[in-house]
Protein backbone atom coordinates (compact mmCIF):
# COMPACT_ATOMS: atom_id res chain seq x y z
CA MET A 1 -77.36 68.43 -5.82
CA ARG A 2 -74.61 66.03 -6.92
CA ASP A 3 -76.10 65.78 -10.41
CA GLN A 4 -76.20 69.57 -10.62
CA LEU A 5 -72.56 69.89 -9.59
CA GLU A 6 -71.52 67.27 -12.12
CA ASP A 7 -73.35 69.26 -14.79
CA ILE A 8 -71.57 72.40 -13.66
CA GLN A 9 -68.25 70.62 -13.94
CA LYS A 10 -69.00 69.58 -17.51
CA HIS A 11 -69.30 73.26 -18.37
CA LEU A 12 -66.45 74.53 -16.23
CA ASP A 13 -63.77 71.85 -16.46
CA ASP A 14 -60.07 72.65 -16.66
CA GLY A 15 -59.32 74.93 -19.57
CA TYR A 16 -56.38 72.91 -20.85
CA GLY A 17 -58.31 69.63 -20.85
CA ARG A 18 -61.28 71.24 -22.58
CA ALA A 19 -59.06 72.79 -25.23
CA GLN A 20 -57.32 69.47 -25.81
CA HIS A 21 -60.70 67.82 -26.38
CA LEU A 22 -61.81 70.56 -28.74
CA ASN A 23 -58.64 70.20 -30.74
CA LYS A 24 -59.48 66.52 -31.36
CA VAL A 25 -62.95 67.05 -32.79
CA GLU A 26 -63.76 68.22 -36.29
CA LEU A 27 -64.28 71.96 -36.19
CA PRO A 28 -67.29 73.50 -37.93
CA LYS A 29 -66.76 75.87 -40.80
CA ARG A 30 -67.43 79.55 -40.27
CA PHE A 31 -70.97 80.21 -41.51
CA TYR A 32 -71.22 84.00 -41.05
CA LYS A 33 -69.60 87.15 -42.35
CA ASP A 34 -70.75 90.02 -40.13
CA VAL A 35 -70.56 90.20 -36.33
CA GLY A 36 -72.34 92.79 -34.25
CA VAL A 37 -73.54 93.72 -30.76
CA ALA A 38 -77.13 94.76 -30.20
CA PRO A 39 -79.20 95.86 -27.18
CA VAL A 40 -82.12 93.56 -26.38
CA ASP A 41 -84.55 93.08 -23.53
CA GLY A 42 -82.49 92.21 -20.48
CA GLY A 43 -79.13 93.41 -21.78
CA PHE A 44 -77.00 92.86 -24.87
CA THR A 45 -76.48 90.13 -27.43
CA VAL A 46 -74.07 89.20 -30.20
CA THR A 47 -75.39 88.93 -33.73
CA LEU A 48 -74.00 86.87 -36.60
CA ASP A 49 -75.27 88.19 -39.93
CA ALA A 50 -77.93 90.06 -37.93
CA ARG A 51 -79.13 86.90 -36.15
CA GLN A 52 -78.90 86.56 -32.39
CA VAL A 53 -76.45 83.91 -31.19
CA ARG A 54 -77.69 80.89 -29.26
CA THR A 55 -75.96 78.34 -27.05
CA PRO A 56 -74.61 75.27 -28.89
CA GLY A 57 -76.40 72.69 -26.76
CA ARG A 58 -79.90 73.79 -25.83
CA LYS A 59 -80.06 76.58 -28.42
CA ILE A 60 -80.94 79.24 -25.86
CA PRO A 61 -80.65 82.90 -26.94
CA VAL A 62 -77.58 84.44 -25.31
CA VAL A 63 -78.21 87.73 -23.50
CA VAL A 64 -75.62 89.26 -21.16
CA PRO A 65 -76.19 92.08 -18.68
CA ALA A 66 -73.10 94.15 -19.59
CA ALA A 67 -72.08 95.59 -22.96
CA PRO A 68 -68.32 94.93 -22.48
CA ILE A 69 -69.00 91.20 -22.17
CA ALA A 70 -70.98 91.19 -25.42
CA THR A 71 -68.21 93.18 -27.10
CA THR A 72 -65.56 90.67 -26.03
CA MET A 73 -67.72 87.79 -27.23
CA ALA A 74 -68.19 89.54 -30.58
CA GLU A 75 -64.43 89.97 -30.89
CA GLU A 76 -63.96 86.24 -30.31
CA TRP A 77 -66.55 85.43 -32.99
CA LEU A 78 -64.95 87.94 -35.37
CA GLY A 79 -61.51 86.47 -34.78
CA GLN A 80 -62.44 83.05 -36.13
CA GLY A 81 -60.94 82.03 -39.45
CA GLU A 82 -62.22 79.44 -41.89
CA PHE A 83 -63.20 77.19 -38.99
CA ILE A 84 -64.78 77.99 -35.62
CA ASN A 85 -62.49 76.87 -32.80
CA PRO A 86 -64.20 77.10 -29.39
CA ALA A 87 -60.81 76.69 -27.70
CA THR A 88 -60.01 80.25 -28.82
CA MET A 89 -63.33 81.63 -27.48
CA PRO A 90 -63.04 81.51 -23.67
CA THR A 91 -65.60 84.25 -22.99
CA VAL A 92 -68.15 82.71 -25.33
CA ARG A 93 -67.70 79.33 -23.63
CA LEU A 94 -68.00 80.79 -20.13
CA ILE A 95 -71.16 82.73 -20.96
CA ASN A 96 -72.68 79.77 -22.77
CA SER A 97 -72.09 77.64 -19.69
CA ALA A 98 -73.95 80.19 -17.57
CA VAL A 99 -76.90 80.42 -19.95
CA GLU A 100 -77.20 76.65 -20.34
CA SER A 101 -76.86 76.03 -16.60
CA GLY A 102 -79.70 78.46 -15.95
CA GLU A 103 -81.11 80.06 -12.83
CA ASP A 104 -82.02 76.67 -11.34
CA ASN A 105 -78.32 76.02 -10.74
CA VAL A 106 -77.65 79.26 -8.85
CA PRO A 107 -77.97 77.60 -5.39
CA ALA A 108 -75.59 74.83 -6.49
CA PHE A 109 -73.06 77.40 -7.70
CA ARG A 110 -73.14 79.16 -4.32
CA ALA A 111 -72.82 75.84 -2.49
CA GLU A 112 -69.84 74.85 -4.64
CA ILE A 113 -67.88 77.97 -3.69
CA VAL A 114 -68.63 77.48 0.01
CA LYS A 115 -67.66 73.79 -0.28
CA PHE A 116 -64.25 74.80 -1.65
CA ALA A 117 -63.87 77.39 1.11
CA ALA A 118 -64.61 74.74 3.74
CA ASN A 119 -61.66 72.68 2.46
CA ASP A 120 -59.67 75.55 1.07
CA LEU A 121 -56.18 75.52 -0.37
CA LEU A 122 -55.14 78.24 2.09
CA LEU A 123 -56.11 76.14 5.11
CA TYR A 124 -53.94 73.06 4.52
CA ARG A 125 -50.27 73.75 5.19
CA ALA A 126 -47.09 71.83 4.54
CA GLU A 127 -45.05 70.63 7.51
CA SER A 128 -41.83 70.68 5.47
CA PRO A 129 -39.56 71.68 3.81
CA GLN A 130 -39.06 74.94 5.68
CA GLU A 131 -38.73 77.00 2.50
CA LEU A 132 -42.25 75.97 1.42
CA VAL A 133 -43.65 76.42 4.92
CA SER A 134 -42.25 79.96 5.03
CA GLU A 135 -43.62 80.83 1.58
CA GLN A 136 -47.09 79.57 2.47
CA GLU A 137 -47.04 81.62 5.66
CA LEU A 138 -45.84 84.71 3.82
CA VAL A 139 -48.44 84.60 1.06
CA TRP A 140 -51.41 82.76 2.56
CA ASP A 141 -51.49 84.23 6.08
CA GLY A 142 -51.92 87.76 4.80
CA ALA A 143 -54.78 86.72 2.51
CA LEU A 144 -56.53 84.85 5.32
CA VAL A 145 -56.24 87.79 7.68
CA ARG A 146 -57.76 90.19 5.15
CA ILE A 147 -60.63 87.84 4.39
CA ALA A 148 -61.30 87.04 8.07
CA ARG A 149 -61.38 90.70 9.06
CA HIS A 150 -63.52 91.76 6.09
CA PHE A 151 -66.22 89.16 6.69
CA GLY A 152 -65.90 88.97 10.47
CA VAL A 153 -65.08 85.25 10.51
CA SER A 154 -62.35 82.93 11.76
CA PHE A 155 -60.50 80.02 10.17
CA GLN A 156 -58.69 76.98 11.53
CA PRO A 157 -55.69 76.15 9.32
CA THR A 158 -54.08 72.74 9.77
CA PHE A 159 -50.99 70.82 8.72
CA GLY A 160 -51.13 67.91 6.31
CA VAL A 161 -54.20 66.62 4.48
CA ILE A 162 -56.40 65.32 7.31
CA HIS A 163 -59.76 67.10 7.16
CA GLN A 164 -60.10 70.03 9.53
CA PRO A 165 -63.71 71.26 9.91
CA GLN A 166 -64.15 75.02 9.74
CA PRO A 167 -66.50 76.86 12.13
CA GLN A 168 -70.09 76.55 10.94
CA THR A 169 -70.59 80.24 11.67
CA THR A 170 -67.82 80.99 9.15
CA LEU A 171 -69.39 78.84 6.46
CA ASP A 172 -72.81 80.32 7.12
CA ARG A 173 -71.39 83.82 6.80
CA LEU A 174 -69.69 83.02 3.49
CA ALA A 175 -72.94 81.53 2.19
CA GLU A 176 -74.73 84.70 3.23
CA VAL A 177 -72.19 86.82 1.37
CA LEU A 178 -72.94 84.91 -1.84
CA GLU A 179 -76.71 85.14 -1.48
CA SER A 180 -77.04 88.30 -3.56
CA GLU A 181 -74.80 87.16 -6.46
CA ASN A 182 -76.44 86.42 -9.80
CA LEU A 183 -76.01 83.62 -12.34
CA PHE A 184 -73.29 85.27 -14.44
CA THR A 185 -71.27 86.41 -11.44
CA LEU A 186 -71.47 82.99 -9.83
CA THR A 187 -70.53 81.20 -13.05
CA ALA A 188 -67.34 83.24 -13.33
CA MET A 189 -66.64 82.77 -9.61
CA VAL A 190 -67.06 78.99 -9.88
CA SER A 191 -64.65 78.99 -12.81
CA MET A 192 -62.09 80.99 -10.83
CA THR A 193 -62.58 78.75 -7.79
CA GLY A 194 -61.96 75.60 -9.81
CA LEU A 195 -58.87 77.06 -11.48
CA THR A 196 -57.31 78.21 -8.20
CA GLY A 197 -58.61 75.51 -5.87
CA SER A 198 -59.76 78.24 -3.51
CA GLY A 199 -63.17 79.68 -2.77
CA LEU A 200 -61.52 82.04 -0.30
CA LEU A 201 -59.18 83.56 -2.89
CA THR A 202 -62.14 84.01 -5.24
CA LEU A 203 -64.14 85.80 -2.56
CA GLY A 204 -61.08 87.86 -1.69
CA TYR A 205 -60.75 89.01 -5.28
CA TRP A 206 -64.45 89.75 -5.75
CA HIS A 207 -64.52 91.90 -2.61
CA LYS A 208 -61.38 93.79 -3.69
CA LEU A 209 -59.21 92.38 -0.92
CA LEU A 210 -56.77 90.81 -3.41
CA THR A 211 -55.71 91.65 -6.95
CA PRO A 212 -55.95 89.02 -9.71
CA ASP A 213 -52.17 88.64 -9.72
CA GLN A 214 -52.15 88.13 -5.94
CA VAL A 215 -54.84 85.47 -6.29
CA TRP A 216 -52.93 83.67 -9.05
CA ALA A 217 -49.65 83.79 -7.12
CA ALA A 218 -51.29 82.50 -3.93
CA ALA A 219 -52.93 79.65 -5.83
CA HIS A 220 -49.55 78.51 -7.16
CA VAL A 221 -47.30 78.71 -4.10
CA ASP A 222 -46.89 74.93 -3.97
CA GLU A 223 -46.46 74.57 -7.73
CA ASP A 224 -43.95 77.41 -7.92
CA TYR A 225 -41.92 75.83 -5.13
CA GLN A 226 -41.78 72.55 -7.03
CA ILE A 227 -40.73 74.41 -10.18
CA SER A 228 -37.95 76.13 -8.23
CA GLN A 229 -36.66 72.72 -7.17
CA TRP A 230 -37.18 70.61 -10.28
CA GLY A 231 -37.91 72.96 -13.15
CA GLN A 232 -41.00 72.96 -15.36
CA ASP A 233 -41.59 70.83 -18.44
CA GLU A 234 -43.09 72.20 -21.63
CA GLU A 235 -46.47 70.50 -21.29
CA ALA A 236 -46.95 71.75 -17.73
CA ALA A 237 -46.05 75.28 -18.82
CA GLU A 238 -48.56 75.11 -21.67
CA ARG A 239 -51.25 73.79 -19.35
CA ARG A 240 -50.60 76.58 -16.86
CA ALA A 241 -50.71 79.24 -19.59
CA MET A 242 -54.07 77.98 -20.79
CA ARG A 243 -55.42 77.92 -17.25
CA ARG A 244 -54.23 81.49 -16.80
CA ASN A 245 -56.15 82.46 -19.92
CA GLU A 246 -59.30 80.89 -18.43
CA PHE A 247 -58.60 82.72 -15.17
CA ASP A 248 -58.15 86.07 -16.92
CA THR A 249 -61.42 85.48 -18.78
CA ALA A 250 -63.27 84.98 -15.51
CA VAL A 251 -61.66 88.14 -14.13
CA ALA A 252 -62.68 90.17 -17.19
CA VAL A 253 -66.28 88.97 -16.94
CA LEU A 254 -66.42 89.76 -13.23
CA GLU A 255 -64.97 93.23 -13.76
CA ALA A 256 -67.61 93.92 -16.41
CA LEU A 257 -70.29 92.88 -13.90
CA ARG A 258 -69.23 95.42 -11.27
CA PHE A 259 -72.17 97.81 -11.69
């Protein structure tokens, strides 16, 4: 299981760090002129000069279950200039990570989301200063109540960073909720979970309990408080913007999968 989760992380690492790495390597030249979308067995694919795209690592044909996802991927391929820059292709990267991870990693994806939920951002509260305590209560309590009521579970928030076990019945219920989710849905959910630090916020979004903006705001309560006190430097702002782009990509993929 640990090896599987490490492999997942290689595909779904922080968007800013990945983009920084990609900017350091020599980019391949664009080798195609025409980009298209075509129906195939199992869904839709992107074509480059009438040839079906494949993943960069294992060279697996890329087929997605929803036409809007294929259209967005085609737009990212079409938008490349003289060189192909994967940093500007977030949907292509996310889908490639799903295809290369494969169905064998589906249980590990589910377990990763539950693992985050068991040690969730929303469950570990500051003891001070009072302004931060109040903001966490204002934003996080409402989200927890919606999630607890919707799934029929309970949570045990705590102060500080000492581990607080959550009820096993709660974790079992969250695992049950994820049982029906497929590879592409789980890949996007794992990406969102890693970007927000919260499996609970991800589940709240997917079950329409929270909007994307509410999820993003809740995930950044602590960071926004620090910014209000000390300001934000340029590099941190850039990193956050790139993470938001990764987050919005996961949202768009998940919305396309609501059928």
